[in-house]
Protein backbone atom coordinates (compact mmCIF):
# COMPACT_ATOMS: atom_id res chain seq x y z
CA MET A 1 -29.69 -11.32 -35.28
CA GLY A 2 -31.69 -12.71 -32.34
CA HIS A 3 -32.58 -15.93 -30.53
CA LEU A 4 -33.44 -18.85 -32.76
CA GLU A 5 -37.19 -19.30 -33.07
CA ASN A 6 -36.79 -23.02 -33.61
CA LYS A 7 -34.11 -24.64 -31.46
CA ASN A 8 -34.04 -27.67 -33.72
CA MET A 9 -32.88 -25.51 -36.61
CA ILE A 10 -29.11 -25.64 -37.10
CA PRO A 11 -27.64 -22.18 -37.79
CA LYS A 12 -25.60 -21.59 -40.90
CA TYR A 13 -22.50 -20.78 -38.87
CA GLY A 14 -21.83 -21.70 -35.27
CA THR A 15 -21.21 -24.63 -32.97
CA CYS A 16 -24.28 -24.64 -30.76
CA LEU A 17 -27.88 -23.59 -30.84
CA HIS A 18 -27.43 -20.26 -29.04
CA HIS A 19 -23.98 -19.25 -30.29
CA TYR A 20 -24.45 -18.38 -33.93
CA THR A 21 -24.04 -15.70 -36.55
CA ASP A 22 -25.33 -15.18 -40.05
CA SER A 23 -21.84 -14.64 -41.46
CA PRO A 24 -18.72 -16.80 -41.27
CA PRO A 25 -16.25 -15.98 -38.47
CA SER A 26 -13.14 -14.00 -39.27
CA GLN A 27 -10.05 -16.12 -39.77
CA SER A 28 -7.90 -13.71 -37.80
CA ALA A 29 -10.23 -13.47 -34.81
CA PRO A 30 -12.99 -16.08 -35.04
CA HIS A 31 -15.93 -15.38 -32.78
CA LEU A 32 -19.63 -15.92 -32.42
CA HIS A 33 -22.27 -13.69 -30.90
CA LEU A 34 -24.71 -14.18 -28.07
CA ARG A 35 -27.63 -11.94 -27.17
CA THR A 36 -27.87 -11.83 -23.38
CA GLU A 37 -30.88 -11.42 -21.12
CA SER A 38 -30.08 -7.71 -20.87
CA ASN A 39 -30.27 -7.56 -24.68
CA LEU A 40 -26.54 -6.81 -25.03
CA ILE A 41 -24.34 -8.45 -27.60
CA LYS A 42 -21.36 -10.35 -26.16
CA LYS A 43 -18.47 -11.73 -28.14
CA LEU A 44 -17.39 -15.23 -27.25
CA ASN A 45 -14.26 -16.99 -28.37
CA PHE A 46 -15.14 -19.55 -31.04
CA PHE A 47 -13.95 -22.43 -28.87
CA ASP A 48 -16.11 -21.43 -25.90
CA CYS A 49 -19.03 -23.01 -27.74
CA ILE A 50 -17.51 -26.50 -27.82
CA TYR A 51 -18.81 -27.31 -24.35
CA CYS A 52 -22.35 -26.62 -25.50
CA LEU A 53 -21.90 -28.71 -28.67
CA ILE A 54 -20.60 -31.71 -26.75
CA SER A 55 -23.39 -31.40 -24.18
CA TYR A 56 -25.96 -31.31 -26.95
CA LEU A 57 -24.55 -34.30 -28.85
CA GLU A 58 -23.92 -36.53 -25.80
CA SER A 59 -26.97 -35.72 -23.70
CA SER A 60 -30.03 -37.91 -23.99
CA THR A 61 -32.06 -34.99 -22.71
CA LYS A 62 -32.09 -31.49 -24.13
CA PRO A 63 -29.44 -29.38 -22.26
CA ASP A 64 -30.25 -26.04 -20.67
CA LEU A 65 -29.56 -23.54 -23.46
CA SER A 66 -30.77 -20.42 -21.67
CA PRO A 67 -28.49 -17.38 -22.07
CA LYS A 68 -27.65 -17.46 -18.33
CA SER A 69 -26.62 -21.11 -18.50
CA ILE A 70 -24.61 -20.56 -21.68
CA HIS A 71 -22.66 -17.72 -20.06
CA ARG A 72 -22.00 -19.78 -16.94
CA ARG A 73 -20.71 -22.78 -18.89
CA ALA A 74 -18.65 -20.61 -21.23
CA ALA A 75 -16.99 -18.97 -18.22
CA MET A 76 -16.29 -22.40 -16.73
CA SER A 77 -14.75 -23.65 -19.97
CA TYR A 78 -12.51 -20.63 -20.45
CA ARG A 79 -10.95 -18.34 -17.85
CA ALA A 80 -7.87 -16.28 -18.51
CA GLY A 81 -6.73 -16.43 -14.87
CA LYS A 82 -6.03 -19.21 -12.40
CA THR A 83 -7.07 -19.98 -8.84
CA ILE A 84 -4.07 -21.05 -6.76
CA LEU A 85 -4.70 -23.03 -3.58
CA ALA A 86 -2.67 -22.46 -0.41
CA SER A 87 -1.90 -26.19 -0.25
CA THR A 88 -0.09 -25.96 -3.60
CA ILE A 89 2.10 -23.09 -2.37
CA ALA A 90 2.70 -24.68 1.05
CA LYS A 91 3.82 -28.02 -0.42
CA LYS A 92 7.44 -26.93 -0.91
CA TYR A 93 7.75 -25.63 2.65
CA SER A 94 5.99 -28.65 4.14
CA GLU A 95 8.47 -30.94 2.41
CA GLU A 96 11.39 -28.85 3.70
CA LEU A 97 10.04 -29.01 7.25
CA THR A 98 9.53 -32.78 7.09
CA SER A 99 13.04 -33.24 5.71
CA VAL A 100 14.50 -31.38 8.70
CA THR A 101 12.39 -32.91 11.48
CA SER A 102 12.92 -36.45 10.15
CA LYS A 103 16.63 -36.10 10.99
CA MET A 104 16.07 -34.81 14.54
CA ALA A 105 16.32 -37.12 17.55
CA THR A 106 13.66 -35.15 19.43
CA LYS A 107 10.69 -33.60 17.70
CA PRO A 108 10.41 -29.83 18.20
CA LYS A 109 7.51 -28.90 20.47
CA LEU A 110 4.95 -26.15 19.87
CA VAL A 111 2.45 -25.15 22.58
CA GLY A 112 -0.78 -23.37 21.69
CA LEU A 113 -2.52 -21.35 24.40
CA LEU A 114 -6.27 -20.86 24.10
CA GLY A 115 -7.93 -18.45 26.52
CA ASN A 116 -11.16 -17.69 24.69
CA GLN A 117 -14.33 -19.57 23.86
CA ASP A 118 -14.25 -18.91 20.12
CA PRO A 119 -15.21 -22.15 18.30
CA ALA A 120 -13.23 -21.00 15.26
CA ALA A 121 -10.08 -20.69 17.40
CA LYS A 122 -10.64 -24.21 18.75
CA THR A 123 -11.05 -25.54 15.22
CA TYR A 124 -7.88 -23.73 14.13
CA ALA A 125 -6.03 -25.23 17.12
CA GLU A 126 -7.16 -28.74 16.18
CA TRP A 127 -6.08 -28.16 12.59
CA THR A 128 -2.71 -26.85 13.82
CA ALA A 129 -2.26 -30.04 15.88
CA ARG A 130 -2.89 -32.27 12.87
CA THR A 131 -0.54 -30.24 10.68
CA CYS A 132 2.24 -30.30 13.29
CA GLU A 133 2.00 -34.04 13.73
CA SER A 134 2.02 -34.64 9.96
CA LEU A 135 5.22 -32.56 9.61
CA GLY A 136 7.15 -34.11 12.49
CA PHE A 137 6.42 -31.63 15.30
CA GLN A 138 4.91 -32.14 18.73
CA TYR A 139 1.90 -30.00 19.58
CA GLU A 140 0.17 -29.38 22.89
CA LEU A 141 -2.95 -27.27 23.36
CA ILE A 142 -3.41 -25.62 26.76
CA GLN A 143 -6.90 -24.28 27.41
CA CYS A 144 -7.47 -22.02 30.38
CA PRO A 145 -9.56 -19.05 31.55
CA LYS A 146 -8.18 -15.86 30.06
CA GLU A 147 -7.34 -14.62 33.55
CA ASN A 148 -4.82 -17.48 33.87
CA LEU A 149 -3.28 -17.07 30.43
CA GLU A 150 -0.35 -14.91 31.56
CA ASP A 151 0.72 -17.49 34.17
CA GLU A 152 0.52 -20.28 31.59
CA ILE A 153 2.71 -18.28 29.20
CA TYR A 154 5.37 -17.86 31.88
CA LYS A 155 5.30 -21.60 32.66
CA CYS A 156 5.93 -22.38 28.99
CA ASN A 157 8.71 -19.77 28.87
CA GLN A 158 10.51 -21.68 31.64
CA ASP A 159 9.89 -25.17 30.22
CA ASP A 160 12.98 -26.30 28.27
CA ALA A 161 10.91 -28.96 26.49
CA VAL A 162 8.87 -26.22 24.81
CA ASN A 163 10.53 -24.76 21.70
CA GLY A 164 7.74 -22.46 20.52
CA ILE A 165 4.66 -20.71 21.90
CA MET A 166 1.62 -19.32 20.12
CA VAL A 167 -1.42 -17.61 21.64
CA TYR A 168 -4.79 -17.69 19.91
CA PHE A 169 -5.81 -14.05 19.68
CA PRO A 170 -7.99 -12.15 20.28
CA VAL A 171 -8.30 -12.83 24.00
CA TYR A 172 -9.51 -9.54 25.46
CA ASN A 173 -9.67 -7.81 22.08
CA ASP A 174 -8.05 -4.67 23.47
CA GLY A 175 -4.65 -3.40 24.65
CA GLN A 176 -4.40 -6.33 27.06
CA ASP A 177 -3.74 -8.57 24.06
CA GLN A 178 -0.66 -6.54 23.15
CA TYR A 179 0.56 -6.96 26.71
CA LEU A 180 0.15 -10.74 26.46
CA GLN A 181 2.13 -10.75 23.22
CA GLN A 182 5.10 -9.30 25.09
CA CYS A 183 4.81 -11.94 27.83
CA VAL A 184 5.96 -14.64 25.41
CA SER A 185 9.73 -15.19 25.54
CA ILE A 186 11.53 -13.71 22.54
CA GLU A 187 13.30 -17.08 22.20
CA LYS A 188 9.97 -18.92 21.78
CA ASP A 189 7.81 -16.38 19.93
CA VAL A 190 6.93 -18.26 16.72
CA GLU A 191 4.42 -15.59 15.71
CA GLY A 192 7.06 -12.84 15.61
CA LEU A 193 4.97 -10.48 17.76
CA ASN A 194 7.64 -9.55 20.31
CA PHE A 195 8.43 -5.84 20.28
CA LYS A 196 12.02 -6.49 19.17
CA TYR A 197 10.89 -8.46 16.14
CA VAL A 198 8.19 -5.95 15.25
CA SER A 199 10.59 -3.02 15.63
CA ASN A 200 13.16 -4.74 13.40
CA MET A 201 10.51 -5.39 10.76
CA TYR A 202 9.29 -1.79 10.69
CA HIS A 203 12.86 -0.49 10.45
CA ASN A 204 13.84 -3.08 7.83
CA ILE A 205 16.43 -4.71 10.11
CA ARG A 206 16.70 -8.35 9.09
CA TYR A 207 19.12 -9.77 11.66
CA LEU A 208 19.35 -9.79 15.45
CA ASP A 209 23.15 -9.79 15.63
CA ALA A 210 24.39 -7.24 13.08
CA PRO A 211 27.05 -7.04 11.75
CA GLU A 212 27.65 -10.81 12.11
CA ASN A 213 24.21 -11.48 10.60
CA THR A 214 23.91 -15.07 11.75
CA LYS A 215 20.60 -14.80 13.64
CA LYS A 216 17.63 -13.86 11.51
CA SER A 217 14.93 -11.67 13.01
CA ILE A 218 11.59 -13.46 13.18
CA LEU A 219 8.82 -12.07 10.98
CA PRO A 220 5.11 -12.28 11.88
CA CYS A 221 3.95 -15.55 10.34
CA THR A 222 0.92 -14.30 8.39
CA PRO A 223 2.73 -11.37 6.71
CA LEU A 224 5.65 -13.73 6.05
CA ALA A 225 3.24 -16.20 4.45
CA MET A 226 2.01 -13.42 2.21
CA VAL A 227 5.57 -12.68 1.07
CA LYS A 228 6.11 -16.34 0.21
CA ILE A 229 2.84 -16.42 -1.71
CA LEU A 230 3.77 -13.33 -3.72
CA GLU A 231 7.18 -14.88 -4.45
CA TYR A 232 5.49 -18.07 -5.65
CA LEU A 233 3.14 -16.08 -7.88
CA GLY A 234 6.06 -14.26 -9.49
CA VAL A 235 5.13 -10.81 -8.16
CA TYR A 236 8.63 -10.43 -6.72
CA ASN A 237 11.09 -9.55 -9.50
CA THR A 238 14.13 -11.79 -8.98
CA LEU A 239 16.18 -9.73 -11.46
CA LEU A 240 16.25 -6.91 -8.90
CA PRO A 241 18.48 -6.87 -5.80
CA TYR A 242 17.21 -8.60 -2.66
CA GLY A 243 15.18 -6.09 -0.66
CA ASN A 244 14.04 -4.15 -3.75
CA ARG A 245 12.15 -6.85 -5.60
CA LEU A 246 8.72 -5.23 -5.36
CA PHE A 247 9.95 -1.98 -6.87
CA GLY A 248 7.36 -0.71 -9.36
CA LYS A 249 4.48 -2.69 -7.85
CA THR A 250 1.38 -1.03 -6.42
CA ILE A 251 -0.46 -3.00 -3.74
CA THR A 252 -3.72 -2.32 -1.90
CA ILE A 253 -4.34 -4.01 1.47
CA VAL A 254 -7.81 -3.85 3.03
CA ASN A 255 -6.94 -4.43 6.69
CA ARG A 256 -4.75 -2.47 9.07
CA SER A 257 -4.76 -4.64 12.17
CA GLU A 258 -1.65 -4.61 14.33
CA ILE A 259 -1.33 -8.39 13.92
CA VAL A 260 -1.47 -8.62 10.11
CA GLY A 261 -2.49 -5.59 8.06
CA ARG A 262 -0.07 -2.93 9.30
CA PRO A 263 3.01 -5.19 9.50
CA LEU A 264 2.19 -6.60 6.07
CA ALA A 265 2.03 -3.12 4.57
CA ALA A 266 5.39 -2.28 6.15
CA LEU A 267 6.98 -5.51 4.99
CA LEU A 268 5.90 -5.09 1.36
CA ALA A 269 6.85 -1.41 1.32
CA ASN A 270 10.28 -2.28 2.73
CA ASP A 271 10.67 -4.64 -0.23
CA GLY A 272 10.04 -1.73 -2.61
CA ALA A 273 6.29 -1.67 -3.25
CA THR A 274 3.99 1.32 -3.03
CA VAL A 275 1.35 0.07 -0.59
CA TYR A 276 -2.04 1.59 0.11
CA SER A 277 -3.32 0.47 3.50
CA VAL A 278 -7.09 0.76 3.76
CA ASP A 279 -9.23 0.62 6.90
CA ILE A 280 -12.58 2.01 7.95
CA ASN A 281 -11.09 5.43 8.77
CA ASN A 282 -8.73 6.32 5.92
CA VAL A 283 -6.11 5.24 3.38
CA GLN A 284 -2.43 5.41 4.29
CA LYS A 285 0.45 5.16 1.85
CA PHE A 286 3.50 3.05 2.80
CA GLU A 287 6.56 3.63 0.60
CA ARG A 288 10.33 4.05 0.53
CA GLY A 289 10.21 7.27 -1.49
CA ASP A 290 11.18 8.06 -5.07
CA GLY A 291 13.67 5.54 -6.39
CA LEU A 292 13.61 3.70 -3.04
CA GLN A 293 15.87 6.36 -1.53
CA LEU A 294 14.83 5.47 2.02
CA LYS A 295 16.26 2.44 3.83
CA SER A 296 12.89 1.68 5.42
CA HIS A 297 9.34 2.72 4.65
CA ARG A 298 7.52 5.89 5.64
CA VAL A 299 3.78 6.27 6.21
CA VAL A 300 1.79 9.13 4.71
CA ASP A 301 -1.88 9.91 5.42
CA THR A 302 -3.84 10.50 2.21
CA GLU A 303 -7.22 11.83 1.14
CA PHE A 304 -7.71 8.81 -1.11
CA GLU A 305 -10.56 6.33 -0.92
CA LEU A 306 -10.56 2.67 -1.90
CA LYS A 307 -12.01 3.56 -5.31
CA ASP A 308 -8.98 5.78 -5.97
CA VAL A 309 -6.23 3.26 -5.20
CA ALA A 310 -7.54 -0.24 -5.90
CA PRO A 311 -8.13 0.17 -9.66
CA LYS A 312 -4.45 1.02 -10.23
CA SER A 313 -3.12 -1.78 -8.03
CA ASP A 314 -1.20 -4.75 -9.37
CA VAL A 315 -2.05 -6.71 -6.23
CA ILE A 316 -5.12 -6.54 -3.99
CA ILE A 317 -5.03 -8.21 -0.57
CA THR A 318 -8.01 -8.43 1.76
CA GLY A 319 -8.49 -9.55 5.34
CA VAL A 320 -11.92 -8.36 6.44
CA PRO A 321 -13.32 -10.69 9.15
CA SER A 322 -16.97 -10.33 8.18
CA SER A 323 -19.24 -12.62 6.21
CA ASN A 324 -21.15 -9.55 5.03
CA TYR A 325 -18.16 -7.89 3.36
CA LYS A 326 -17.49 -8.31 -0.33
CA PHE A 327 -14.77 -6.38 -2.12
CA PRO A 328 -16.28 -4.32 -4.99
CA LEU A 329 -15.13 -6.08 -8.15
CA GLU A 330 -15.41 -2.93 -10.23
CA TYR A 331 -12.28 -1.74 -8.40
CA VAL A 332 -10.20 -4.71 -9.57
CA LYS A 333 -8.31 -4.13 -12.81
CA ASP A 334 -8.08 -6.93 -15.35
CA GLY A 335 -5.13 -9.20 -14.61
CA ALA A 336 -4.56 -8.10 -11.02
CA VAL A 337 -3.27 -10.60 -8.47
CA VAL A 338 -5.86 -11.06 -5.71
CA ILE A 339 -5.32 -12.69 -2.30
CA ASN A 340 -7.69 -13.13 0.63
CA PHE A 341 -6.27 -13.90 4.08
CA SER A 342 -9.53 -13.58 5.99
CA SER A 343 -11.31 -16.67 7.26
CA GLU A 344 -14.35 -15.17 5.51
CA LYS A 345 -14.85 -15.10 1.76
CA ASN A 346 -14.10 -11.47 0.80
CA PHE A 347 -14.72 -11.97 -2.95
CA ASP A 348 -17.54 -13.57 -4.88
CA ASP A 349 -16.75 -16.08 -7.60
CA ARG A 350 -16.76 -13.49 -10.37
CA ILE A 351 -13.26 -12.50 -9.23
CA LYS A 352 -12.00 -15.57 -11.10
CA ASP A 353 -12.98 -13.88 -14.37
CA ILE A 354 -11.01 -10.72 -13.53
CA ALA A 355 -7.89 -11.67 -11.57
CA SER A 356 -4.93 -13.24 -13.33
CA LEU A 357 -4.12 -15.15 -10.14
CA TYR A 358 -6.49 -15.60 -7.22
CA VAL A 359 -5.57 -17.12 -3.84
CA PRO A 360 -8.80 -17.57 -1.83
CA SER A 361 -7.14 -18.44 1.51
CA ILE A 362 -3.63 -18.70 2.94
CA GLY A 363 -3.93 -20.78 6.14
CA LYS A 364 -1.69 -23.68 5.10
CA VAL A 365 1.12 -21.34 4.11
CA THR A 366 0.77 -19.45 7.41
CA ILE A 367 1.16 -22.58 9.54
CA ALA A 368 4.17 -23.62 7.46
CA MET A 369 5.78 -20.23 8.17
CA LEU A 370 4.96 -20.56 11.86
CA LEU A 371 6.77 -23.91 12.05
CA ARG A 372 9.61 -22.51 9.97
CA ASN A 373 9.92 -19.72 12.53
CA LEU A 374 10.08 -22.34 15.29
CA LEU A 375 13.10 -24.03 13.69
CA ARG A 376 14.70 -20.62 13.15
CA LEU A 377 14.24 -19.80 16.85
CA MET A 378 15.97 -23.06 17.77
CA ASN A 379 18.90 -22.14 15.53
CA ASN A 380 19.09 -18.61 16.95
CA LYS A 381 19.26 -20.03 20.46
CA LYS A 382 21.81 -22.71 19.59
CA PRO A 383 23.51 -22.03 16.23
CA HIS A 384 23.66 -24.96 13.79
CA SER A 385 21.48 -27.12 16.05
CA VAL A 386 18.90 -27.37 13.26
CA GLU A 387 19.42 -27.70 9.51
CA GLU A 388 18.97 -24.26 7.90
CA ILE A 389 15.89 -23.80 5.69
């Protein structure tokens, strides 16, 4: 078997001029063969050839029937997995937010504080403004030199018209940023970065007022968005008790920042997963022990490398802020769930042929969680002042 010498010759069996065989396809598993540029034989599902047949019959010009083109079009016509957009996942939460704000006499107000010159942060702020307005929130952006940022935070803390505050980090890109996080009032911290909220998250404490349990602790909005995405994708097992629904899942996270990566690993481990947290230095294991015996997660240093943990992971999550980084696809097992929360593209398009579900970005879900946190803060401050969502 080889390439047809005469492309006008119709093969005995097959549906296009490159997908053919000299024997009829099996009834139980019909397939055709294609010899690739690397001289390897690939099996293609019988119906993958239909695209080529239609192109040939309908086109007034001869279609590109090179092996590379055939493979590309076959992959486009049939992929086992699906790409899920953040807008699809966020739709439910956006509708809930609009339903609540439409009944409020005064629109909740979010203030964004920008103390750096990063064009990407400015773009994100503008996008946040549009999203807030579309969902029934007020939004004000305050730009100032980073040296004045602390004073501006305190002004917003004291302003009763301001319901929520967010700061566009990084500002100093060092320990000073953590200090600024703690300057934001706990009653207005929509990002969930206050020490009390972070401490509760790490210790798996879900309420501020135990044992009454009427005031929910605020979770960092990006890790919370990730939880909602995994719930939407069906990774959380709803047959298990609340708090244990990731039991049996192995997750690799490539990012251990204090803003997203580390809290995300803790959050998912607290929900029962075995989480491998990967950064440039090492791999740490976050878990609740055998049979989830521990109430909250523990962290164990390991000798593992990415190549040891990613191939056995049910879920792979990346957040590497570099345009040069690409996750090695040979470490992704067939059918894994793959999510990227970086503003950069951490996977090339071939991931769509490997992952069962692929979420290329999460921004719209994150902003929905941020606004959800704002309403929750209003309820914590004045119970039943806002409809519960």
